[in-house]
């Protein structure tokens, strides 16, 4: 599997293949619920998929939530690794690996978002996205 390149020309990031394999595995393990986690980068490369608990009060089959304390843990993990918090990932059980309206509503600028589709317990498409500057939608990264 090749690396993912996402971002603008001045904020290009790529992801190690092992990171993408970890995201797929996490999605399969939590199926039929959504998994979620943080993306940690060093020197422009996403080097870790840091698993976080899905703390949604809604149905975990259709939503995920990363709480404030888990967000802080992700920042601390990135700092301890000598890196930065580059974004987040989550799965879409039995749905395409495309951002939903809910994903758009909760997205923050300057982050990479990776989504893996998991159908019937098998990981499928994996896509990368960035929120547009005007918050009108996402732009897809190269796979």
Protein backbone atom coordinates (compact mmCIF):
# COMPACT_ATOMS: atom_id res chain seq x y z
CA UNK A 1 0.00 0.00 0.00
CA UNK A 2 1.33 3.45 -0.84
CA UNK A 3 1.46 6.46 1.45
CA UNK A 4 -1.33 9.01 1.55
CA UNK A 5 -0.49 12.58 0.61
CA UNK A 6 -2.94 15.14 1.92
CA UNK A 7 -2.91 18.85 2.43
CA UNK A 8 -2.04 21.98 0.61
CA UNK A 9 1.29 22.54 -1.06
CA UNK A 10 2.62 24.18 2.10
CA UNK A 11 1.26 21.58 4.53
CA UNK A 12 1.75 18.25 2.76
CA UNK A 13 1.62 15.15 4.94
CA UNK A 14 2.06 11.50 4.12
CA UNK A 15 1.16 8.45 6.18
CA UNK A 16 3.32 5.39 6.77
CA UNK A 17 1.72 2.19 5.40
CA UNK A 18 1.84 0.67 8.92
CA UNK A 19 -0.35 3.54 10.15
CA UNK A 20 -2.94 2.80 7.47
CA UNK A 21 -2.89 -0.91 8.37
CA UNK A 22 -3.46 0.01 12.03
CA UNK A 23 -6.47 2.18 11.12
CA UNK A 24 -7.97 -0.66 9.08
CA UNK A 25 -7.40 -3.14 11.93
CA UNK A 26 -8.99 -0.79 14.47
CA UNK A 27 -12.05 -0.40 12.25
CA UNK A 28 -12.44 -4.17 11.92
CA UNK A 29 -12.02 -4.72 15.69
CA UNK A 30 -14.74 -2.22 16.63
CA UNK A 31 -17.20 -3.19 13.87
CA UNK A 32 -20.18 -2.69 13.81
CA UNK A 33 -19.36 0.46 15.79
CA UNK A 34 -17.25 3.39 14.66
CA UNK A 35 -13.66 3.48 15.82
CA UNK A 36 -11.73 6.70 16.24
CA UNK A 37 -8.25 7.90 16.98
CA UNK A 38 -5.64 10.59 16.53
CA UNK A 39 -3.02 10.96 13.80
CA UNK A 40 0.44 11.85 15.07
CA UNK A 41 3.03 13.31 12.69
CA UNK A 42 6.75 13.93 12.77
CA UNK A 43 8.57 15.87 10.06
CA UNK A 44 5.55 15.91 7.76
CA UNK A 45 4.79 12.18 8.02
CA UNK A 46 1.92 10.60 9.91
CA UNK A 47 3.77 8.03 11.97
CA UNK A 48 1.14 6.84 14.44
CA UNK A 49 -2.55 6.07 14.61
CA UNK A 50 -3.26 6.57 18.31
CA UNK A 51 -6.44 4.76 19.33
CA UNK A 52 -8.97 6.73 21.33
CA UNK A 53 -12.26 5.57 22.87
CA UNK A 54 -15.48 6.41 21.09
CA UNK A 55 -17.38 8.21 23.85
CA UNK A 56 -20.48 9.18 21.90
CA UNK A 57 -23.78 9.24 23.77
CA UNK A 58 -25.50 8.60 20.43
CA UNK A 59 -25.36 5.30 18.58
CA UNK A 60 -21.71 4.29 18.17
CA UNK A 61 -22.77 2.53 14.97
CA UNK A 62 -23.31 5.90 13.28
CA UNK A 63 -21.32 8.43 15.33
CA UNK A 64 -18.08 8.91 17.13
CA UNK A 65 -16.96 11.41 19.72
CA UNK A 66 -13.53 12.24 21.05
CA UNK A 67 -13.94 13.88 24.44
CA UNK A 68 -11.84 16.78 25.74
CA UNK A 69 -9.73 14.62 28.05
CA UNK A 70 -8.95 12.19 25.21
CA UNK A 71 -8.07 15.11 22.94
CA UNK A 72 -5.60 16.26 25.60
CA UNK A 73 -4.18 12.73 25.81
CA UNK A 74 -3.64 12.76 22.04
CA UNK A 75 -1.80 16.09 22.25
CA UNK A 76 0.33 14.77 25.11
CA UNK A 77 1.11 11.59 23.15
CA UNK A 78 2.16 13.65 20.12
CA UNK A 79 4.33 15.90 22.28
CA UNK A 80 5.98 12.92 24.01
CA UNK A 81 6.72 11.41 20.58
CA UNK A 82 8.37 14.64 19.45
CA UNK A 83 5.58 15.23 16.97
CA UNK A 84 2.33 17.07 16.42
CA UNK A 85 -1.34 16.22 16.39
CA UNK A 86 -2.01 16.10 12.63
CA UNK A 87 -5.65 15.02 12.62
CA UNK A 88 -8.05 12.21 13.34
CA UNK A 89 -9.37 8.99 11.87
CA UNK A 90 -12.57 7.05 12.18
CA UNK A 91 -14.49 4.25 10.52
CA UNK A 92 -17.77 4.18 8.64
CA UNK A 93 -19.41 0.79 9.31
CA UNK A 94 -21.33 -0.39 6.22
CA UNK A 95 -21.00 3.05 4.60
CA UNK A 96 -18.57 4.64 2.14
CA UNK A 97 -15.28 6.17 3.27
CA UNK A 98 -16.59 9.67 2.59
CA UNK A 99 -17.27 12.45 5.09
CA UNK A 100 -20.86 12.69 6.27
CA UNK A 101 -22.76 15.90 6.99
CA UNK A 102 -22.09 15.18 10.67
CA UNK A 103 -18.36 14.90 9.97
CA UNK A 104 -18.46 18.27 8.22
CA UNK A 105 -20.33 19.86 11.10
CA UNK A 106 -17.66 18.80 13.63
CA UNK A 107 -14.50 19.21 11.52
CA UNK A 108 -11.74 21.65 12.44
CA UNK A 109 -9.41 23.40 10.01
CA UNK A 110 -5.78 22.39 9.52
CA UNK A 111 -6.34 18.73 10.37
CA UNK A 112 -6.16 15.61 8.21
CA UNK A 113 -9.17 13.30 8.46
CA UNK A 114 -8.82 9.65 7.45
CA UNK A 115 -11.93 7.50 7.05
CA UNK A 116 -12.00 3.73 6.55
CA UNK A 117 -15.08 1.93 5.29
CA UNK A 118 -15.76 -1.37 7.05
CA UNK A 119 -18.39 -3.55 5.39
CA UNK A 120 -19.61 -6.74 7.05
CA UNK A 121 -16.53 -6.70 9.26
CA UNK A 122 -14.00 -6.29 6.43
CA UNK A 123 -11.98 -3.11 5.92
CA UNK A 124 -12.42 -1.57 2.50
CA UNK A 125 -11.68 1.85 1.07
CA UNK A 126 -9.55 4.23 3.08
CA UNK A 127 -9.64 7.92 2.20
CA UNK A 128 -8.04 11.14 3.44
CA UNK A 129 -9.65 14.58 3.61
CA UNK A 130 -9.00 18.19 4.59
CA UNK A 131 -11.63 20.77 5.50
CA UNK A 132 -11.86 23.62 2.99
CA UNK A 133 -10.93 27.08 4.26
CA UNK A 134 -14.53 28.26 3.87
CA UNK A 135 -15.85 25.17 5.77
CA UNK A 136 -18.15 24.34 2.85
CA UNK A 137 -16.86 20.79 2.49
CA UNK A 138 -13.77 18.64 2.27
CA UNK A 139 -11.08 18.16 -0.34
CA UNK A 140 -9.88 14.63 -0.86
CA UNK A 141 -6.19 13.80 -0.52
CA UNK A 142 -4.29 11.61 -2.94
CA UNK A 143 -4.13 7.90 -2.22
